[in-house]
């Protein structure tokens, strides 16, 4: 029986939706050039059809010892970000202070 897989592609600047390719493998019937028409209908960039089994490594889901999908949680390190923001604020304040010092006094009244 045929399998359907989706291969996600990197997004471009003008993409409304994430681009993808539909991969159909283990297909046994003739497809006769309908892949382009199918791609247009479903919004895919392309449709690839194979008789043999094709494994897409990006679609592999790692499983834990109990057979459940492994979930990875990434937590950001805001300490470095906070320092960068504070540095940029200090630079901006210094530029404003320098600009105000260069203004003639009569422009401030």
N, C-alpha and C. Protein backbone atom coordinates (compact mmCIF):
# COMPACT_ATOMS: atom_id res chain seq x y z
N UNK A 1 0.83 -1.17 0.00
CA UNK A 1 0.00 0.00 0.00
C UNK A 1 0.88 1.24 0.00
N UNK A 2 0.52 2.22 -0.78
CA UNK A 2 1.31 3.45 -0.91
C UNK A 2 1.35 4.22 0.40
N UNK A 3 2.48 4.90 0.61
CA UNK A 3 2.64 5.73 1.80
C UNK A 3 2.78 7.18 1.36
N UNK A 4 2.29 8.08 2.18
CA UNK A 4 2.42 9.51 1.94
C UNK A 4 3.35 10.08 3.00
N UNK A 5 4.30 10.91 2.56
CA UNK A 5 5.19 11.60 3.49
C UNK A 5 5.29 13.05 3.04
N UNK A 6 5.55 13.91 3.98
CA UNK A 6 5.74 15.32 3.66
C UNK A 6 7.17 15.71 4.01
N UNK A 7 7.83 16.32 3.05
CA UNK A 7 9.19 16.83 3.26
C UNK A 7 9.08 18.34 3.33
N UNK A 8 9.27 18.89 4.52
CA UNK A 8 9.19 20.34 4.68
C UNK A 8 10.45 20.97 4.11
N UNK A 9 10.26 22.11 3.44
CA UNK A 9 11.36 22.85 2.83
C UNK A 9 11.60 24.13 3.62
N UNK A 10 12.80 24.70 3.49
CA UNK A 10 13.05 25.98 4.17
C UNK A 10 12.12 27.06 3.63
N UNK A 11 11.67 27.93 4.52
CA UNK A 11 10.76 29.00 4.12
C UNK A 11 11.52 30.11 3.43
N UNK A 12 10.87 30.70 2.44
CA UNK A 12 11.41 31.88 1.77
C UNK A 12 10.73 33.12 2.32
N UNK A 13 11.24 34.28 1.95
CA UNK A 13 10.71 35.54 2.46
C UNK A 13 9.26 35.77 2.04
N UNK A 14 8.88 35.31 0.86
CA UNK A 14 7.54 35.58 0.35
C UNK A 14 6.57 34.43 0.57
N UNK A 15 6.94 33.44 1.37
CA UNK A 15 6.08 32.28 1.58
C UNK A 15 4.97 32.60 2.57
N UNK A 16 3.72 32.36 2.16
CA UNK A 16 2.58 32.51 3.07
C UNK A 16 2.47 31.31 3.99
N UNK A 17 2.78 30.12 3.44
CA UNK A 17 2.73 28.88 4.20
C UNK A 17 4.08 28.19 4.04
N UNK A 18 4.44 27.35 5.01
CA UNK A 18 5.70 26.62 4.86
C UNK A 18 5.67 25.75 3.60
N UNK A 19 6.67 25.85 2.74
CA UNK A 19 6.69 25.04 1.52
C UNK A 19 7.00 23.58 1.84
N UNK A 20 6.47 22.69 1.00
CA UNK A 20 6.68 21.26 1.23
C UNK A 20 6.63 20.51 -0.09
N UNK A 21 7.15 19.29 -0.04
CA UNK A 21 7.08 18.35 -1.15
C UNK A 21 6.32 17.13 -0.64
N UNK A 22 5.37 16.65 -1.43
CA UNK A 22 4.66 15.41 -1.08
C UNK A 22 5.44 14.26 -1.69
N UNK A 23 5.78 13.27 -0.87
CA UNK A 23 6.50 12.09 -1.33
C UNK A 23 5.57 10.90 -1.20
N UNK A 24 5.32 10.23 -2.32
CA UNK A 24 4.49 9.03 -2.33
C UNK A 24 5.43 7.87 -2.68
N UNK A 25 5.53 6.90 -1.79
CA UNK A 25 6.36 5.74 -2.11
C UNK A 25 5.52 4.47 -2.02
N UNK A 26 6.11 3.38 -2.45
CA UNK A 26 5.45 2.08 -2.55
C UNK A 26 4.22 2.17 -3.47
N UNK A 27 4.32 2.99 -4.51
CA UNK A 27 3.22 3.17 -5.47
C UNK A 27 3.33 2.10 -6.54
N UNK A 28 2.24 1.42 -6.82
CA UNK A 28 2.30 0.30 -7.77
C UNK A 28 1.59 0.58 -9.10
N UNK A 29 0.76 1.59 -9.18
CA UNK A 29 0.03 1.89 -10.42
C UNK A 29 0.75 2.97 -11.23
N UNK A 30 0.52 3.03 -12.52
CA UNK A 30 1.12 4.12 -13.32
C UNK A 30 0.60 5.48 -12.84
N UNK A 31 1.47 6.47 -12.83
CA UNK A 31 1.08 7.80 -12.35
C UNK A 31 0.87 8.76 -13.52
N UNK A 32 1.51 8.55 -14.64
CA UNK A 32 1.32 9.26 -15.90
C UNK A 32 1.28 10.78 -15.79
N UNK A 33 2.29 11.37 -15.19
CA UNK A 33 2.44 12.82 -15.21
C UNK A 33 1.40 13.61 -14.44
N UNK A 34 0.67 12.99 -13.59
CA UNK A 34 -0.33 13.72 -12.81
C UNK A 34 0.27 14.36 -11.57
N UNK A 35 1.56 14.16 -11.33
CA UNK A 35 2.20 14.69 -10.12
C UNK A 35 2.15 16.22 -10.11
N UNK A 36 2.41 16.85 -11.25
CA UNK A 36 2.40 18.31 -11.31
C UNK A 36 1.00 18.84 -11.01
N UNK A 37 -0.01 18.21 -11.56
CA UNK A 37 -1.39 18.61 -11.32
C UNK A 37 -1.76 18.44 -9.84
N UNK A 38 -1.34 17.33 -9.26
CA UNK A 38 -1.60 17.09 -7.84
C UNK A 38 -0.90 18.13 -6.98
N UNK A 39 0.35 18.46 -7.31
CA UNK A 39 1.10 19.47 -6.55
C UNK A 39 0.36 20.80 -6.57
N UNK A 40 -0.14 21.20 -7.73
CA UNK A 40 -0.89 22.45 -7.83
C UNK A 40 -2.15 22.42 -6.97
N UNK A 41 -2.83 21.29 -6.95
CA UNK A 41 -4.08 21.18 -6.20
C UNK A 41 -3.87 21.25 -4.68
N UNK A 42 -2.77 20.70 -4.19
CA UNK A 42 -2.56 20.65 -2.74
C UNK A 42 -1.62 21.74 -2.23
N UNK A 43 -1.04 22.53 -3.14
CA UNK A 43 -0.15 23.60 -2.73
C UNK A 43 1.28 23.17 -2.46
N UNK A 44 1.65 22.00 -2.94
CA UNK A 44 3.03 21.50 -2.76
C UNK A 44 3.93 22.10 -3.83
N UNK A 45 5.22 22.17 -3.53
CA UNK A 45 6.18 22.61 -4.54
C UNK A 45 6.36 21.53 -5.60
N UNK A 46 6.22 20.27 -5.17
CA UNK A 46 6.36 19.14 -6.09
C UNK A 46 5.77 17.90 -5.44
N UNK A 47 5.55 16.88 -6.28
CA UNK A 47 5.13 15.56 -5.79
C UNK A 47 6.10 14.56 -6.39
N UNK A 48 6.73 13.77 -5.53
CA UNK A 48 7.64 12.72 -5.97
C UNK A 48 6.97 11.38 -5.76
N UNK A 49 6.98 10.54 -6.78
CA UNK A 49 6.33 9.23 -6.70
C UNK A 49 7.39 8.16 -6.97
N UNK A 50 7.47 7.17 -6.05
CA UNK A 50 8.45 6.10 -6.16
C UNK A 50 7.77 4.75 -5.99
N UNK A 51 8.27 3.76 -6.69
CA UNK A 51 7.79 2.40 -6.48
C UNK A 51 8.41 1.80 -5.24
N UNK A 52 9.68 2.15 -4.96
CA UNK A 52 10.36 1.59 -3.80
C UNK A 52 10.09 2.45 -2.57
N UNK A 53 10.52 1.94 -1.42
CA UNK A 53 10.34 2.66 -0.16
C UNK A 53 11.39 3.75 -0.03
N UNK A 54 10.96 4.94 0.28
CA UNK A 54 11.85 6.08 0.48
C UNK A 54 11.69 6.55 1.91
N UNK A 55 12.78 6.58 2.66
CA UNK A 55 12.74 7.08 4.03
C UNK A 55 13.32 8.49 4.07
N UNK A 56 12.58 9.38 4.64
CA UNK A 56 13.02 10.77 4.78
C UNK A 56 13.52 10.94 6.21
N UNK A 57 14.83 11.14 6.40
CA UNK A 57 15.38 11.22 7.77
C UNK A 57 14.73 12.33 8.59
N UNK A 58 14.30 13.43 7.97
CA UNK A 58 13.68 14.53 8.71
C UNK A 58 12.37 14.10 9.34
N UNK A 59 11.75 13.04 8.83
CA UNK A 59 10.47 12.58 9.37
C UNK A 59 10.63 11.52 10.45
N UNK A 60 11.86 11.13 10.76
CA UNK A 60 12.08 10.15 11.82
C UNK A 60 11.78 10.79 13.18
N UNK A 61 11.03 10.10 13.99
CA UNK A 61 10.70 10.59 15.33
C UNK A 61 11.42 9.69 16.32
N UNK A 62 12.35 10.27 17.10
CA UNK A 62 13.04 9.44 18.10
C UNK A 62 12.08 9.00 19.19
N UNK A 63 12.23 7.76 19.63
CA UNK A 63 11.37 7.20 20.67
C UNK A 63 12.17 6.94 21.93
N UNK A 64 11.50 7.09 23.07
CA UNK A 64 12.18 6.77 24.33
C UNK A 64 12.10 5.27 24.59
N UNK A 65 12.56 4.85 25.75
CA UNK A 65 12.60 3.42 26.08
C UNK A 65 11.22 2.78 26.12
N UNK A 66 10.19 3.57 26.39
CA UNK A 66 8.81 3.06 26.44
C UNK A 66 8.10 3.13 25.10
N UNK A 67 8.78 3.64 24.08
CA UNK A 67 8.18 3.72 22.75
C UNK A 67 7.41 5.00 22.48
N UNK A 68 7.51 5.98 23.38
CA UNK A 68 6.84 7.26 23.18
C UNK A 68 7.79 8.25 22.49
N UNK A 69 7.25 9.17 21.70
CA UNK A 69 8.13 10.17 21.06
C UNK A 69 8.88 11.00 22.09
N UNK A 70 10.15 11.21 21.82
CA UNK A 70 10.99 12.01 22.71
C UNK A 70 10.67 13.48 22.45
N UNK A 71 10.41 14.21 23.53
CA UNK A 71 10.15 15.64 23.41
C UNK A 71 11.36 16.38 23.95
N UNK A 72 11.80 17.36 23.21
CA UNK A 72 12.95 18.15 23.61
C UNK A 72 12.46 19.55 23.92
N UNK A 73 12.85 20.05 25.06
CA UNK A 73 12.47 21.40 25.44
C UNK A 73 13.73 22.25 25.46
N UNK A 74 13.71 23.32 24.69
CA UNK A 74 14.85 24.23 24.63
C UNK A 74 14.47 25.49 25.38
N UNK A 75 15.27 25.80 26.38
CA UNK A 75 15.01 27.00 27.16
C UNK A 75 16.08 28.03 26.84
N UNK A 76 15.66 29.25 26.52
CA UNK A 76 16.63 30.29 26.14
C UNK A 76 17.42 30.78 27.35
N UNK A 77 18.61 31.27 27.08
CA UNK A 77 19.45 31.87 28.10
C UNK A 77 19.30 33.38 27.96
N UNK A 78 18.46 33.98 28.82
CA UNK A 78 18.18 35.40 28.70
C UNK A 78 19.23 36.27 29.38
N UNK A 79 20.14 35.69 30.15
CA UNK A 79 21.16 36.50 30.82
C UNK A 79 22.03 37.23 29.80
N UNK A 80 22.52 36.53 28.82
CA UNK A 80 23.36 37.15 27.80
C UNK A 80 22.53 38.14 26.97
N UNK A 81 21.29 37.79 26.66
CA UNK A 81 20.43 38.67 25.89
C UNK A 81 20.18 39.97 26.66
N UNK A 82 19.92 39.84 27.97
CA UNK A 82 19.67 41.01 28.81
C UNK A 82 20.89 41.94 28.79
N UNK A 83 22.08 41.37 28.88
CA UNK A 83 23.31 42.18 28.85
C UNK A 83 23.45 42.91 27.51
N UNK A 84 23.13 42.21 26.41
CA UNK A 84 23.22 42.84 25.10
C UNK A 84 22.25 44.00 24.99
N UNK A 85 21.03 43.81 25.47
CA UNK A 85 20.03 44.88 25.41
C UNK A 85 20.48 46.06 26.26
N UNK A 86 20.98 45.80 27.46
CA UNK A 86 21.44 46.89 28.33
C UNK A 86 22.60 47.65 27.70
N UNK A 87 23.51 46.95 27.03
CA UNK A 87 24.62 47.61 26.34
C UNK A 87 24.11 48.51 25.23
N UNK A 88 23.14 48.02 24.46
CA UNK A 88 22.59 48.82 23.36
C UNK A 88 21.84 50.04 23.89
N UNK A 89 21.14 49.88 25.00
CA UNK A 89 20.44 51.02 25.62
C UNK A 89 21.45 52.07 26.07
N UNK A 90 22.53 51.63 26.70
CA UNK A 90 23.57 52.56 27.17
C UNK A 90 24.19 53.30 25.99
N UNK A 91 24.45 52.61 24.88
CA UNK A 91 25.01 53.27 23.70
C UNK A 91 24.04 54.31 23.14
N UNK A 92 22.76 53.96 23.08
CA UNK A 92 21.76 54.90 22.56
C UNK A 92 21.64 56.12 23.47
N UNK A 93 21.67 55.91 24.79
CA UNK A 93 21.59 57.04 25.72
C UNK A 93 22.82 57.94 25.57
N UNK A 94 23.97 57.35 25.37
CA UNK A 94 25.19 58.14 25.19
C UNK A 94 25.10 58.97 23.91
N UNK A 95 24.56 58.40 22.84
CA UNK A 95 24.41 59.15 21.59
C UNK A 95 23.45 60.32 21.77
N UNK A 96 22.37 60.11 22.49
CA UNK A 96 21.40 61.19 22.73
C UNK A 96 22.05 62.29 23.57
N UNK A 97 22.79 61.89 24.61
CA UNK A 97 23.47 62.85 25.47
C UNK A 97 24.47 63.67 24.66
N UNK A 98 25.26 63.02 23.82
CA UNK A 98 26.23 63.73 22.98
C UNK A 98 25.53 64.68 22.03
N UNK A 99 24.43 64.26 21.43
CA UNK A 99 23.70 65.11 20.50
C UNK A 99 23.14 66.33 21.21
N UNK A 100 22.63 66.14 22.42
CA UNK A 100 22.09 67.28 23.18
C UNK A 100 23.19 68.26 23.57
N UNK A 101 24.36 67.77 23.87
CA UNK A 101 25.49 68.65 24.24
C UNK A 101 25.93 69.50 23.05
N UNK A 102 25.76 68.97 21.85
CA UNK A 102 26.21 69.70 20.66
C UNK A 102 25.20 70.76 20.22
N UNK A 103 23.96 70.70 20.71
CA UNK A 103 22.96 71.69 20.35
C UNK A 103 23.26 73.02 21.01
N UNK A 104 23.07 74.12 20.29
CA UNK A 104 23.22 75.43 20.94
C UNK A 104 22.11 75.60 21.99
N UNK A 105 22.41 76.30 23.02
CA UNK A 105 21.49 76.48 24.12
C UNK A 105 20.19 77.14 23.67
N UNK A 106 20.25 78.05 22.71
CA UNK A 106 19.06 78.76 22.28
C UNK A 106 18.04 77.83 21.62
N UNK A 107 18.48 76.67 21.06
CA UNK A 107 17.55 75.72 20.46
C UNK A 107 16.75 74.94 21.50
N UNK A 108 17.23 74.95 22.73
CA UNK A 108 16.55 74.19 23.77
C UNK A 108 15.47 75.00 24.47
N UNK A 109 15.50 76.33 24.30
CA UNK A 109 14.52 77.18 24.99
C UNK A 109 13.27 77.38 24.21
